[in-house]
Structures are given as C-alpha cells and as structure tokens.
Amino acid sequence: MKASKLLPFLAIIALFSFTSCSTDSMEDETLNAIEVPVAPQAKQIEIEIMELINAYRINEGLNPLQNHSTVKAVAFTHTDYMIEVNNVSHDNFFLRQQSLQANASANVVSENVAYGFNSAASVVNAWLNSPSHRENIEGDFTDFDVSAEKNAEGKWYFTNMFIKR
C-alpha cells in the first residue's frame, strides 16, 4: 500500500487511540476525585427517619436496611449542597452514584430528597404518599442512610439514599 494512502488510515487509528485513552483516563480521574467526607454523627431526627422506614419495610414483609456511614457521608454532601443553592433537587446524582459505587461497593443507588418538614414522621409520610419515593423505600436495597440539616432560617432539608451491594 502506498504511504499516501496509508497515512490517513494511520491518522484515524491514532485519533481513536488517543480519544479512547483520554476518555478512560478522565473517567478514572473522576472516580478517584470523588472524595467521601467523614459522616457527621447521626441526629435524632435522622435516627427516627431510618427507624420509621425500617418499621414500614418490615410491616410490608421486606428486609430492614442497614445504616451505612459512607452512604450518610454522601447524603450529607448533597443536603449541604441543596442548602447552599437554596433548592431541593437531585442535581449531580450521577456523581453521588459513582462515589457510592467506588467507595461502598454499590451496584444500585437511589435517593429521596425533601424540604421543609418538621418531623421524621412528616417527611417519611410524604415520601410514602408519593409513588416514586415509596418505590425507593420499598426497593431491593441492602443499605441506606439519611442526612437532615437545617438552613439559616431553620428549615430542614433531607437526603435519603439507598444502595444495593
């Protein structure tokens, strides 16, 4: 084959080779850059939320979920973020999912968020009265944890995360 015909072919192969390596490297860097902070100590409202969810699951014939400090730490980062931006959301869920896959051996990750409820019972009841949130509570998971934090005005923000290992 003539060099003039071979050169474009080699250039394309080289381009794909560099693109592939670059993408893999970026993904590895992203996963390695996801640091999990130390989980704060559980608040009474968080303990009550987990107890209510597990009581509901047991009543429904489902396995109780184990609390997990890495899940709590990741949930806390999102609750803190929601307070910072003053918005309840699932923003950047894929980063929390990747972090739990890398740091907690999670195969499946899901979350519920909420704002403004004043008690564990009120937020859990709201989640149970919402089909998509209830689906997470009833899901095939092994572990969970919750973060509840107040903003400067004293309003609660909640992130409840579930994983299956």
C-alpha atoms as a PDB file:
ATOM      1  CA  MET A   1       0.000   0.000   0.000  1.00  0.00           C
ATOM      2  CA  LYS A   2       1.319   3.455  -0.880  1.00  0.00           C
ATOM      3  CA  ALA A   3       2.339   5.704   2.008  1.00  0.00           C
ATOM      4  CA  SER A   4      -0.038   8.437   0.795  1.00  0.00           C
ATOM      5  CA  LYS A   5      -2.999   6.049   1.183  1.00  0.00           C
ATOM      6  CA  LEU A   6      -1.735   4.568   4.443  1.00  0.00           C
ATOM      7  CA  LEU A   7      -1.158   7.912   6.199  1.00  0.00           C
ATOM      8  CA  PRO A   8      -4.867   8.932   6.545  1.00  0.00           C
ATOM      9  CA  PHE A   9      -5.699   5.434   7.795  1.00  0.00           C
ATOM     10  CA  LEU A  10      -2.951   5.623  10.457  1.00  0.00           C
ATOM     11  CA  ALA A  11      -4.078   9.123  11.448  1.00  0.00           C
ATOM     12  CA  ILE A  12      -7.631   7.883  12.065  1.00  0.00           C
ATOM     13  CA  ILE A  13      -6.375   4.926  14.113  1.00  0.00           C
ATOM     14  CA  ALA A  14      -4.144   7.258  16.137  1.00  0.00           C
ATOM     15  CA  LEU A  15      -7.043   9.654  16.721  1.00  0.00           C
ATOM     16  CA  PHE A  16      -9.299   6.880  18.020  1.00  0.00           C
ATOM     17  CA  SER A  17      -6.487   5.509  20.182  1.00  0.00           C
ATOM     18  CA  PHE A  18      -5.854   8.858  21.859  1.00  0.00           C
ATOM     19  CA  THR A  19      -9.563   9.547  22.304  1.00  0.00           C
ATOM     20  CA  SER A  20     -10.126   6.181  23.956  1.00  0.00           C
ATOM     21  CA  CYS A  21      -7.190   6.567  26.345  1.00  0.00           C
ATOM     22  CA  SER A  22      -8.164  10.129  27.150  1.00  0.00           C
ATOM     23  CA  THR A  23     -11.750   9.153  27.972  1.00  0.00           C
ATOM     24  CA  ASP A  24     -10.689   6.225  30.146  1.00  0.00           C
ATOM     25  CA  SER A  25      -8.224   8.431  31.974  1.00  0.00           C
ATOM     26  CA  MET A  26     -10.855  11.116  32.571  1.00  0.00           C
ATOM     27  CA  GLU A  27     -13.294   8.549  33.943  1.00  0.00           C
ATOM     28  CA  ASP A  28     -10.620   7.161  36.275  1.00  0.00           C
ATOM     29  CA  GLU A  29      -9.707  10.665  37.412  1.00  0.00           C
ATOM     30  CA  THR A  30     -13.373  11.471  38.020  1.00  0.00           C
ATOM     31  CA  LEU A  31     -13.858   8.370  40.154  1.00  0.00           C
ATOM     32  CA  ASN A  32     -10.631   8.987  42.034  1.00  0.00           C
ATOM     33  CA  ALA A  33     -11.561  12.638  42.567  1.00  0.00           C
ATOM     34  CA  ILE A  34     -14.795  11.710  44.318  1.00  0.00           C
ATOM     35  CA  GLU A  35     -13.771  12.008  47.911  1.00  0.00           C
ATOM     36  CA  VAL A  36     -16.120  10.899  50.630  1.00  0.00           C
ATOM     37  CA  PRO A  37     -16.091  13.135  53.696  1.00  0.00           C
ATOM     38  CA  VAL A  38     -16.379  11.765  57.197  1.00  0.00           C
ATOM     39  CA  ALA A  39     -20.037  11.233  58.044  1.00  0.00           C
ATOM     40  CA  PRO A  40     -21.358  13.521  60.765  1.00  0.00           C
ATOM     41  CA  GLN A  41     -22.848  11.936  63.863  1.00  0.00           C
ATOM     42  CA  ALA A  42     -26.498  10.983  63.421  1.00  0.00           C
ATOM     43  CA  LYS A  43     -29.080  13.442  64.669  1.00  0.00           C
ATOM     44  CA  GLN A  44     -32.192  12.252  66.487  1.00  0.00           C
ATOM     45  CA  ILE A  45     -34.424  13.124  63.505  1.00  0.00           C
ATOM     46  CA  GLU A  46     -32.205  11.043  61.192  1.00  0.00           C
ATOM     47  CA  ILE A  47     -32.340   8.043  63.526  1.00  0.00           C
ATOM     48  CA  GLU A  48     -36.125   8.356  63.688  1.00  0.00           C
ATOM     49  CA  ILE A  49     -36.406   8.535  59.876  1.00  0.00           C
ATOM     50  CA  MET A  50     -34.374   5.342  59.486  1.00  0.00           C
ATOM     51  CA  GLU A  51     -36.394   3.587  62.211  1.00  0.00           C
ATOM     52  CA  LEU A  52     -39.683   4.607  60.560  1.00  0.00           C
ATOM     53  CA  ILE A  53     -38.525   3.437  57.140  1.00  0.00           C
ATOM     54  CA  ASN A  54     -37.330   0.099  58.506  1.00  0.00           C
ATOM     55  CA  ALA A  55     -40.564  -0.365  60.506  1.00  0.00           C
ATOM     56  CA  TYR A  56     -42.521   0.281  57.294  1.00  0.00           C
ATOM     57  CA  ARG A  57     -40.351  -2.161  55.320  1.00  0.00           C
ATOM     58  CA  ILE A  58     -40.744  -4.889  57.968  1.00  0.00           C
ATOM     59  CA  ASN A  59     -44.514  -4.323  58.007  1.00  0.00           C
ATOM     60  CA  GLU A  60     -44.511  -4.792  54.225  1.00  0.00           C
ATOM     61  CA  GLY A  61     -42.548  -8.063  54.531  1.00  0.00           C
ATOM     62  CA  LEU A  62     -39.302  -6.521  53.292  1.00  0.00           C
ATOM     63  CA  ASN A  63     -35.845  -6.796  54.811  1.00  0.00           C
ATOM     64  CA  PRO A  64     -34.734  -3.961  57.089  1.00  0.00           C
ATOM     65  CA  LEU A  65     -31.892  -1.877  55.698  1.00  0.00           C
ATOM     66  CA  GLN A  66     -28.537  -1.388  57.405  1.00  0.00           C
ATOM     67  CA  ASN A  67     -27.290   2.116  58.037  1.00  0.00           C
ATOM     68  CA  HIS A  68     -24.031   2.830  56.232  1.00  0.00           C
ATOM     69  CA  SER A  69     -21.579   5.611  57.114  1.00  0.00           C
ATOM     70  CA  THR A  70     -20.388   6.135  53.529  1.00  0.00           C
ATOM     71  CA  VAL A  71     -23.988   6.487  52.352  1.00  0.00           C
ATOM     72  CA  LYS A  72     -24.564   9.006  55.151  1.00  0.00           C
ATOM     73  CA  ALA A  73     -21.477  10.995  54.178  1.00  0.00           C
ATOM     74  CA  VAL A  74     -22.545  11.167  50.534  1.00  0.00           C
ATOM     75  CA  ALA A  75     -26.121  12.084  51.512  1.00  0.00           C
ATOM     76  CA  PHE A  76     -24.742  14.822  53.758  1.00  0.00           C
ATOM     77  CA  THR A  77     -22.780  16.382  50.883  1.00  0.00           C
ATOM     78  CA  HIS A  78     -25.985  16.651  48.862  1.00  0.00           C
ATOM     79  CA  THR A  79     -28.052  18.065  51.718  1.00  0.00           C
ATOM     80  CA  ASP A  80     -25.345  20.658  52.286  1.00  0.00           C
ATOM     81  CA  TYR A  81     -25.376  21.460  48.550  1.00  0.00           C
ATOM     82  CA  MET A  82     -29.176  21.906  48.495  1.00  0.00           C
ATOM     83  CA  ILE A  83     -28.950  24.332  51.419  1.00  0.00           C
ATOM     84  CA  GLU A  84     -26.136  26.225  49.720  1.00  0.00           C
ATOM     85  CA  VAL A  85     -28.088  26.691  46.462  1.00  0.00           C
ATOM     86  CA  ASN A  86     -31.443  27.033  48.272  1.00  0.00           C
ATOM     87  CA  ASN A  87     -33.087  24.425  46.054  1.00  0.00           C
ATOM     88  CA  VAL A  88     -34.354  20.875  46.568  1.00  0.00           C
ATOM     89  CA  SER A  89     -33.058  18.742  43.712  1.00  0.00           C
ATOM     90  CA  HIS A  90     -31.351  15.601  42.503  1.00  0.00           C
ATOM     91  CA  ASP A  91     -28.582  17.697  40.903  1.00  0.00           C
ATOM     92  CA  ASN A  92     -25.363  15.770  40.271  1.00  0.00           C
ATOM     93  CA  PHE A  93     -26.925  12.446  41.260  1.00  0.00           C
ATOM     94  CA  PHE A  94     -24.550  10.617  38.911  1.00  0.00           C
ATOM     95  CA  LEU A  95     -21.587  11.847  40.996  1.00  0.00           C
ATOM     96  CA  ARG A  96     -23.123  10.518  44.208  1.00  0.00           C
ATOM     97  CA  GLN A  97     -23.897   7.266  42.423  1.00  0.00           C
ATOM     98  CA  GLN A  98     -20.303   6.950  41.181  1.00  0.00           C
ATOM     99  CA  SER A  99     -18.960   7.743  44.630  1.00  0.00           C
ATOM    100  CA  LEU A 100     -21.087   5.033  46.247  1.00  0.00           C
ATOM    101  CA  GLN A 101     -20.159   2.543  43.547  1.00  0.00           C
ATOM    102  CA  ALA A 102     -16.465   3.271  44.108  1.00  0.00           C
ATOM    103  CA  ASN A 103     -16.483   3.651  47.896  1.00  0.00           C
ATOM    104  CA  ALA A 104     -19.353   1.488  49.163  1.00  0.00           C
ATOM    105  CA  SER A 105     -19.458  -1.321  46.586  1.00  0.00           C
ATOM    106  CA  ALA A 106     -22.917  -0.179  45.495  1.00  0.00           C
ATOM    107  CA  ASN A 107     -24.461  -1.852  42.457  1.00  0.00           C
ATOM    108  CA  VAL A 108     -27.714   0.137  42.597  1.00  0.00           C
ATOM    109  CA  VAL A 109     -28.198   3.640  44.035  1.00  0.00           C
ATOM    110  CA  SER A 110     -31.343   5.686  44.585  1.00  0.00           C
ATOM    111  CA  GLU A 111     -32.354   8.707  46.630  1.00  0.00           C
ATOM    112  CA  ASN A 112     -35.250  10.659  48.064  1.00  0.00           C
ATOM    113  CA  VAL A 113     -34.988  14.357  48.871  1.00  0.00           C
ATOM    114  CA  ALA A 114     -37.318  16.702  50.731  1.00  0.00           C
ATOM    115  CA  TYR A 115     -37.546  20.140  52.281  1.00  0.00           C
ATOM    116  CA  GLY A 116     -39.481  21.913  54.986  1.00  0.00           C
ATOM    117  CA  PHE A 117     -40.883  19.032  57.041  1.00  0.00           C
ATOM    118  CA  ASN A 118     -40.566  19.445  60.796  1.00  0.00           C
ATOM    119  CA  SER A 119     -40.516  15.836  61.969  1.00  0.00           C
ATOM    120  CA  ALA A 120     -39.320  12.405  60.946  1.00  0.00           C
ATOM    121  CA  ALA A 121     -42.924  11.174  60.688  1.00  0.00           C
ATOM    122  CA  SER A 122     -43.984  14.031  58.398  1.00  0.00           C
ATOM    123  CA  VAL A 123     -41.142  13.556  55.897  1.00  0.00           C
ATOM    124  CA  VAL A 124     -41.477   9.747  55.857  1.00  0.00           C
ATOM    125  CA  ASN A 125     -45.267  10.044  55.390  1.00  0.00           C
ATOM    126  CA  ALA A 126     -44.741  12.461  52.497  1.00  0.00           C
ATOM    127  CA  TRP A 127     -42.333  10.020  50.831  1.00  0.00           C
ATOM    128  CA  LEU A 128     -44.723   7.112  51.386  1.00  0.00           C
ATOM    129  CA  ASN A 129     -47.594   9.106  49.843  1.00  0.00           C
ATOM    130  CA  SER A 130     -45.549   9.690  46.684  1.00  0.00           C
ATOM    131  CA  PRO A 131     -45.395   6.633  44.389  1.00  0.00           C
ATOM    132  CA  SER A 132     -41.833   7.259  43.173  1.00  0.00           C
ATOM    133  CA  HIS A 133     -40.482   7.938  46.667  1.00  0.00           C
ATOM    134  CA  ARG A 134     -42.338   4.940  48.112  1.00  0.00           C
ATOM    135  CA  GLU A 135     -40.837   2.793  45.340  1.00  0.00           C
ATOM    136  CA  ASN A 136     -37.374   3.730  46.623  1.00  0.00           C
ATOM    137  CA  ILE A 137     -38.349   2.954  50.224  1.00  0.00           C
ATOM    138  CA  GLU A 138     -39.743  -0.428  49.152  1.00  0.00           C
ATOM    139  CA  GLY A 139     -36.874  -1.146  46.743  1.00  0.00           C
ATOM    140  CA  ASP A 140     -34.484  -4.084  46.663  1.00  0.00           C
ATOM    141  CA  PHE A 141     -31.714  -2.435  48.673  1.00  0.00           C
ATOM    142  CA  THR A 142     -29.326  -3.575  51.399  1.00  0.00           C
ATOM    143  CA  ASP A 143     -28.188  -0.320  52.996  1.00  0.00           C
ATOM    144  CA  PHE A 144     -29.313   3.249  53.443  1.00  0.00           C
ATOM    145  CA  ASP A 145     -28.774   6.396  55.420  1.00  0.00           C
ATOM    146  CA  VAL A 146     -30.163   9.882  55.677  1.00  0.00           C
ATOM    147  CA  SER A 147     -28.930  13.407  56.153  1.00  0.00           C
ATOM    148  CA  ALA A 148     -31.122  16.101  57.696  1.00  0.00           C
ATOM    149  CA  GLU A 149     -29.766  19.616  58.013  1.00  0.00           C
ATOM    150  CA  LYS A 150     -31.329  22.997  58.791  1.00  0.00           C
ATOM    151  CA  ASN A 151     -30.705  26.082  56.722  1.00  0.00           C
ATOM    152  CA  ALA A 152     -30.125  29.537  58.263  1.00  0.00           C
ATOM    153  CA  GLU A 153     -33.895  30.045  58.604  1.00  0.00           C
ATOM    154  CA  GLY A 154     -34.302  26.769  60.496  1.00  0.00           C
ATOM    155  CA  LYS A 155     -35.957  24.826  57.640  1.00  0.00           C
ATOM    156  CA  TRP A 156     -34.986  21.167  57.296  1.00  0.00           C
ATOM    157  CA  TYR A 157     -33.521  19.698  54.105  1.00  0.00           C
ATOM    158  CA  PHE A 158     -33.352  15.908  53.707  1.00  0.00           C
ATOM    159  CA  THR A 159     -31.428  13.461  51.528  1.00  0.00           C
ATOM    160  CA  ASN A 160     -32.225   9.762  51.979  1.00  0.00           C
ATOM    161  CA  MET A 161     -30.013   7.437  49.925  1.00  0.00           C
ATOM    162  CA  PHE A 162     -30.389   3.712  49.275  1.00  0.00           C
ATOM    163  CA  ILE A 163     -27.864   1.247  47.884  1.00  0.00           C
ATOM    164  CA  LYS A 164     -27.756  -2.412  46.995  1.00  0.00           C
ATOM    165  CA  ARG A 165     -24.423  -4.156  47.416  1.00  0.00           C
END
